[in-house]
Amino acid sequence: MELYNSGVWANSLWWQNVGASNSVTNLLWDFYAQVDETSSAQALEFDSFQFVDGYSYMFGSQCDLGVGKWDVWSASDDAWIHTSIPCTAFAPNVWHHIQWYVQRIAGTEKYTFVTLVVDGTSYSVNQTYSAKYVGWADNVGVQYQLDVNAKGTGYHEWVDESTLTIW
């Protein structure tokens, strides 16, 4: 899939819903991404999600290029939380392999970012957050967001071999 966005501090979102599956508590998202040489990204954002009984379990993540760290999303705080995992600009025109393993904690409104693997290097995250009630219909899916920085120069991102395994 080819994505494109431009404009000062502009954001664009592409998503794929796969349908409701409320018994699912484990998600493994595996995909490849690359950017072009003109990338003026503020952040490279990759999210998987599950909506159950109106609660949003947003397994949001981003490579925050301004900070140089991977961030995860705290839904109840509507805030990005920096991890200690390093993230620098993706080398252009090179496929980068990303895998996220996350869990929804059954019987609670909590979710955990368990493990991130980037280009074969595994990082233990183990950070748990509270879901947020949004009233949306039950669903599971993934999304990609392009966040452009203050330069506003357009850039492309490509995503390939995206697989979401749920159980």
C-alpha atoms as a PDB file:
ATOM      1  CA  MET A   1       0.000   0.000   0.000  1.00  0.00           C
ATOM      2  CA  GLU A   2       1.327   3.425  -0.894  1.00  0.00           C
ATOM      3  CA  LEU A   3       0.488   6.374   1.384  1.00  0.00           C
ATOM      4  CA  TYR A   4       1.189  10.057   0.766  1.00  0.00           C
ATOM      5  CA  ASN A   5       0.716  13.235   2.769  1.00  0.00           C
ATOM      6  CA  SER A   6       1.930  16.841   2.693  1.00  0.00           C
ATOM      7  CA  GLY A   7       1.286  20.118   4.488  1.00  0.00           C
ATOM      8  CA  VAL A   8       2.636  21.828   7.585  1.00  0.00           C
ATOM      9  CA  TRP A   9       1.861  19.633  10.629  1.00  0.00           C
ATOM     10  CA  ALA A  10      -0.621  17.687   8.466  1.00  0.00           C
ATOM     11  CA  ASN A  11      -1.890  14.240   9.477  1.00  0.00           C
ATOM     12  CA  SER A  12      -3.497  11.562   7.310  1.00  0.00           C
ATOM     13  CA  LEU A  13      -4.973   8.277   8.508  1.00  0.00           C
ATOM     14  CA  TRP A  14      -5.618   4.993   6.698  1.00  0.00           C
ATOM     15  CA  TRP A  15      -7.287   2.086   8.499  1.00  0.00           C
ATOM     16  CA  GLN A  16      -8.527  -1.438   7.930  1.00  0.00           C
ATOM     17  CA  ASN A  17     -11.254  -2.940  10.097  1.00  0.00           C
ATOM     18  CA  VAL A  18     -11.406  -6.733  10.260  1.00  0.00           C
ATOM     19  CA  GLY A  19     -14.606  -7.065  12.303  1.00  0.00           C
ATOM     20  CA  ALA A  20     -15.701  -7.665  15.858  1.00  0.00           C
ATOM     21  CA  SER A  21     -13.989 -10.388  17.861  1.00  0.00           C
ATOM     22  CA  ASN A  22     -14.617  -9.686  21.532  1.00  0.00           C
ATOM     23  CA  SER A  23     -13.105 -12.925  22.838  1.00  0.00           C
ATOM     24  CA  VAL A  24      -9.706 -11.981  21.404  1.00  0.00           C
ATOM     25  CA  THR A  25      -7.128 -10.769  23.945  1.00  0.00           C
ATOM     26  CA  ASN A  26      -3.854 -11.153  22.001  1.00  0.00           C
ATOM     27  CA  LEU A  27      -2.818  -9.278  18.860  1.00  0.00           C
ATOM     28  CA  LEU A  28       0.381  -9.788  16.877  1.00  0.00           C
ATOM     29  CA  TRP A  29       0.839  -7.262  14.095  1.00  0.00           C
ATOM     30  CA  ASP A  30       3.619  -7.940  11.607  1.00  0.00           C
ATOM     31  CA  PHE A  31       4.393  -5.633   8.661  1.00  0.00           C
ATOM     32  CA  TYR A  32       7.072  -3.938   6.583  1.00  0.00           C
ATOM     33  CA  ALA A  33       7.300  -0.169   6.034  1.00  0.00           C
ATOM     34  CA  GLN A  34       9.532   2.209   4.128  1.00  0.00           C
ATOM     35  CA  VAL A  35       9.662   5.934   3.400  1.00  0.00           C
ATOM     36  CA  ASP A  36      11.095   7.871   0.483  1.00  0.00           C
ATOM     37  CA  GLU A  37      14.135  10.154   0.589  1.00  0.00           C
ATOM     38  CA  THR A  38      11.986  13.292   0.911  1.00  0.00           C
ATOM     39  CA  SER A  39      10.426  12.168   4.192  1.00  0.00           C
ATOM     40  CA  SER A  40       9.681  15.092   6.466  1.00  0.00           C
ATOM     41  CA  ALA A  41       7.879  13.037   9.068  1.00  0.00           C
ATOM     42  CA  GLN A  42       7.304  14.321  12.555  1.00  0.00           C
ATOM     43  CA  ALA A  43       6.441  10.760  13.541  1.00  0.00           C
ATOM     44  CA  LEU A  44       5.778   7.419  11.886  1.00  0.00           C
ATOM     45  CA  GLU A  45       2.581   6.145  13.487  1.00  0.00           C
ATOM     46  CA  PHE A  46       1.360   2.534  13.491  1.00  0.00           C
ATOM     47  CA  ASP A  47      -1.708   1.497  15.491  1.00  0.00           C
ATOM     48  CA  SER A  48      -3.693  -1.655  16.057  1.00  0.00           C
ATOM     49  CA  PHE A  49      -6.957  -1.443  17.938  1.00  0.00           C
ATOM     50  CA  GLN A  50      -9.817  -3.330  19.499  1.00  0.00           C
ATOM     51  CA  PHE A  51     -13.173  -1.857  20.456  1.00  0.00           C
ATOM     52  CA  VAL A  52     -15.167  -3.919  22.961  1.00  0.00           C
ATOM     53  CA  ASP A  53     -18.467  -2.876  24.565  1.00  0.00           C
ATOM     54  CA  GLY A  54     -17.782   0.764  23.692  1.00  0.00           C
ATOM     55  CA  TYR A  55     -14.231   0.808  25.097  1.00  0.00           C
ATOM     56  CA  SER A  56     -11.274   1.720  22.889  1.00  0.00           C
ATOM     57  CA  TYR A  57      -8.147  -0.382  23.377  1.00  0.00           C
ATOM     58  CA  MET A  58      -5.901   1.707  21.141  1.00  0.00           C
ATOM     59  CA  PHE A  59      -2.551   0.001  20.766  1.00  0.00           C
ATOM     60  CA  GLY A  60      -1.092   3.175  19.311  1.00  0.00           C
ATOM     61  CA  SER A  61       2.614   3.462  18.617  1.00  0.00           C
ATOM     62  CA  GLN A  62       4.853   5.937  16.888  1.00  0.00           C
ATOM     63  CA  CYS A  63       8.472   6.457  16.083  1.00  0.00           C
ATOM     64  CA  ASP A  64       8.746   9.990  17.485  1.00  0.00           C
ATOM     65  CA  LEU A  65      11.508  11.473  15.364  1.00  0.00           C
ATOM     66  CA  GLY A  66      11.704  14.684  17.391  1.00  0.00           C
ATOM     67  CA  VAL A  67      12.465  12.768  20.590  1.00  0.00           C
ATOM     68  CA  GLY A  68      14.211   9.769  19.028  1.00  0.00           C
ATOM     69  CA  LYS A  69      12.092   7.227  20.960  1.00  0.00           C
ATOM     70  CA  TRP A  70       9.162   4.915  20.320  1.00  0.00           C
ATOM     71  CA  ASP A  71       6.000   6.177  21.968  1.00  0.00           C
ATOM     72  CA  VAL A  72       2.902   4.244  23.025  1.00  0.00           C
ATOM     73  CA  TRP A  73      -0.621   5.589  23.426  1.00  0.00           C
ATOM     74  CA  SER A  74      -2.419   6.002  26.734  1.00  0.00           C
ATOM     75  CA  ALA A  75      -6.078   6.074  25.684  1.00  0.00           C
ATOM     76  CA  SER A  76      -7.434   7.228  29.044  1.00  0.00           C
ATOM     77  CA  ASP A  77      -4.985  10.162  29.102  1.00  0.00           C
ATOM     78  CA  ASP A  78      -5.222  10.933  25.360  1.00  0.00           C
ATOM     79  CA  ALA A  79      -1.427  11.153  25.417  1.00  0.00           C
ATOM     80  CA  TRP A  80       1.722   9.704  23.920  1.00  0.00           C
ATOM     81  CA  ILE A  81       4.038   8.118  26.476  1.00  0.00           C
ATOM     82  CA  HIS A  82       7.752   7.885  25.605  1.00  0.00           C
ATOM     83  CA  THR A  83       9.392   4.494  26.010  1.00  0.00           C
ATOM     84  CA  SER A  84      13.129   3.954  26.396  1.00  0.00           C
ATOM     85  CA  ILE A  85      13.247   2.261  22.969  1.00  0.00           C
ATOM     86  CA  PRO A  86      15.348   4.245  20.478  1.00  0.00           C
ATOM     87  CA  CYS A  87      13.861   5.273  17.140  1.00  0.00           C
ATOM     88  CA  THR A  88      15.633   7.349  14.535  1.00  0.00           C
ATOM     89  CA  ALA A  89      14.602   8.272  11.020  1.00  0.00           C
ATOM     90  CA  PHE A  90      14.021   5.214   8.860  1.00  0.00           C
ATOM     91  CA  ALA A  91      16.637   4.804   6.154  1.00  0.00           C
ATOM     92  CA  PRO A  92      14.839   5.807   2.928  1.00  0.00           C
ATOM     93  CA  ASN A  93      13.928   3.254   0.277  1.00  0.00           C
ATOM     94  CA  VAL A  94      14.673   0.356   2.661  1.00  0.00           C
ATOM     95  CA  TRP A  95      12.050  -2.039   3.991  1.00  0.00           C
ATOM     96  CA  HIS A  96      11.883  -2.004   7.787  1.00  0.00           C
ATOM     97  CA  HIS A  97      10.268  -4.988   9.533  1.00  0.00           C
ATOM     98  CA  ILE A  98       8.051  -4.090  12.499  1.00  0.00           C
ATOM     99  CA  GLN A  99       6.205  -6.442  14.847  1.00  0.00           C
ATOM    100  CA  TRP A 100       4.012  -5.478  17.779  1.00  0.00           C
ATOM    101  CA  TYR A 101       2.688  -7.955  20.338  1.00  0.00           C
ATOM    102  CA  VAL A 102      -0.039  -6.465  22.551  1.00  0.00           C
ATOM    103  CA  GLN A 103      -2.716  -7.786  24.911  1.00  0.00           C
ATOM    104  CA  ARG A 104      -6.125  -6.712  26.129  1.00  0.00           C
ATOM    105  CA  ILE A 105      -6.515  -7.828  29.728  1.00  0.00           C
ATOM    106  CA  ALA A 106      -9.784  -9.784  29.858  1.00  0.00           C
ATOM    107  CA  GLY A 107     -12.286  -8.754  32.509  1.00  0.00           C
ATOM    108  CA  THR A 108     -10.747  -5.278  32.842  1.00  0.00           C
ATOM    109  CA  GLU A 109     -10.576  -2.119  30.769  1.00  0.00           C
ATOM    110  CA  LYS A 110      -6.777  -2.388  30.537  1.00  0.00           C
ATOM    111  CA  TYR A 111      -4.312  -3.212  27.773  1.00  0.00           C
ATOM    112  CA  THR A 112      -0.586  -3.925  27.629  1.00  0.00           C
ATOM    113  CA  PHE A 113       2.128  -3.225  25.074  1.00  0.00           C
ATOM    114  CA  VAL A 114       4.200  -6.385  25.515  1.00  0.00           C
ATOM    115  CA  THR A 115       6.956  -6.526  22.881  1.00  0.00           C
ATOM    116  CA  LEU A 116       8.182  -4.480  19.920  1.00  0.00           C
ATOM    117  CA  VAL A 117      10.518  -5.962  17.302  1.00  0.00           C
ATOM    118  CA  VAL A 118      12.181  -3.592  14.805  1.00  0.00           C
ATOM    119  CA  ASP A 119      14.385  -5.023  12.067  1.00  0.00           C
ATOM    120  CA  GLY A 120      15.031  -8.152  14.141  1.00  0.00           C
ATOM    121  CA  THR A 121      15.833  -6.380  17.430  1.00  0.00           C
ATOM    122  CA  SER A 122      13.354  -7.251  20.178  1.00  0.00           C
ATOM    123  CA  TYR A 123      12.400  -4.794  22.924  1.00  0.00           C
ATOM    124  CA  SER A 124      10.404  -5.661  26.031  1.00  0.00           C
ATOM    125  CA  VAL A 125       7.852  -2.909  26.660  1.00  0.00           C
ATOM    126  CA  ASN A 126       5.451  -4.275  29.304  1.00  0.00           C
ATOM    127  CA  GLN A 127       3.512  -1.040  29.806  1.00  0.00           C
ATOM    128  CA  THR A 128      -0.172  -1.217  30.776  1.00  0.00           C
ATOM    129  CA  TYR A 129      -2.788   1.499  30.244  1.00  0.00           C
ATOM    130  CA  SER A 130      -6.519   1.994  30.733  1.00  0.00           C
ATOM    131  CA  ALA A 131      -8.971   1.877  27.842  1.00  0.00           C
ATOM    132  CA  LYS A 132     -11.274   4.805  27.170  1.00  0.00           C
ATOM    133  CA  TYR A 133     -15.038   4.631  26.740  1.00  0.00           C
ATOM    134  CA  VAL A 134     -15.902   6.050  23.303  1.00  0.00           C
ATOM    135  CA  GLY A 135     -19.146   4.213  22.509  1.00  0.00           C
ATOM    136  CA  TRP A 136     -17.945   2.799  19.192  1.00  0.00           C
ATOM    137  CA  ALA A 137     -19.126  -0.506  17.745  1.00  0.00           C
ATOM    138  CA  ASP A 138     -17.078  -3.639  18.442  1.00  0.00           C
ATOM    139  CA  ASN A 139     -14.194  -4.076  15.994  1.00  0.00           C
ATOM    140  CA  VAL A 140     -10.539  -5.042  15.548  1.00  0.00           C
ATOM    141  CA  GLY A 141      -8.144  -3.517  13.041  1.00  0.00           C
ATOM    142  CA  VAL A 142      -4.986  -1.642  12.143  1.00  0.00           C
ATOM    143  CA  GLN A 143      -4.175   1.856  10.979  1.00  0.00           C
ATOM    144  CA  TYR A 144      -1.295   3.883   9.598  1.00  0.00           C
ATOM    145  CA  GLN A 145      -0.908   7.626  10.076  1.00  0.00           C
ATOM    146  CA  LEU A 146       1.458  10.004   8.323  1.00  0.00           C
ATOM    147  CA  ASP A 147       2.398  12.987  10.479  1.00  0.00           C
ATOM    148  CA  VAL A 148       4.205  15.751   8.574  1.00  0.00           C
ATOM    149  CA  ASN A 149       6.540  18.181  10.388  1.00  0.00           C
ATOM    150  CA  ALA A 150       6.860  21.975  10.212  1.00  0.00           C
ATOM    151  CA  LYS A 151       8.567  21.859   6.786  1.00  0.00           C
ATOM    152  CA  GLY A 152       5.374  20.467   5.284  1.00  0.00           C
ATOM    153  CA  THR A 153       7.203  18.687   2.469  1.00  0.00           C
ATOM    154  CA  GLY A 154       5.185  15.771   1.172  1.00  0.00           C
ATOM    155  CA  TYR A 155       6.455  12.234   1.555  1.00  0.00           C
ATOM    156  CA  HIS A 156       5.499   8.681   0.759  1.00  0.00           C
ATOM    157  CA  GLU A 157       5.293   5.671   3.016  1.00  0.00           C
ATOM    158  CA  TRP A 158       4.793   2.152   1.744  1.00  0.00           C
ATOM    159  CA  VAL A 159       3.464  -0.754   3.777  1.00  0.00           C
ATOM    160  CA  ASP A 160       3.687  -4.388   2.694  1.00  0.00           C
ATOM    161  CA  GLU A 161       2.964  -7.866   4.021  1.00  0.00           C
ATOM    162  CA  SER A 162       0.794  -6.571   6.863  1.00  0.00           C
ATOM    163  CA  THR A 163      -0.623  -9.407   8.933  1.00  0.00           C
ATOM    164  CA  LEU A 164      -2.702  -9.130  12.100  1.00  0.00           C
ATOM    165  CA  THR A 165      -2.912 -12.405  14.017  1.00  0.00           C
ATOM    166  CA  ILE A 166      -5.493 -12.501  16.792  1.00  0.00           C
ATOM    167  CA  TRP A 167      -6.339 -15.115  19.419  1.00  0.00           C
END
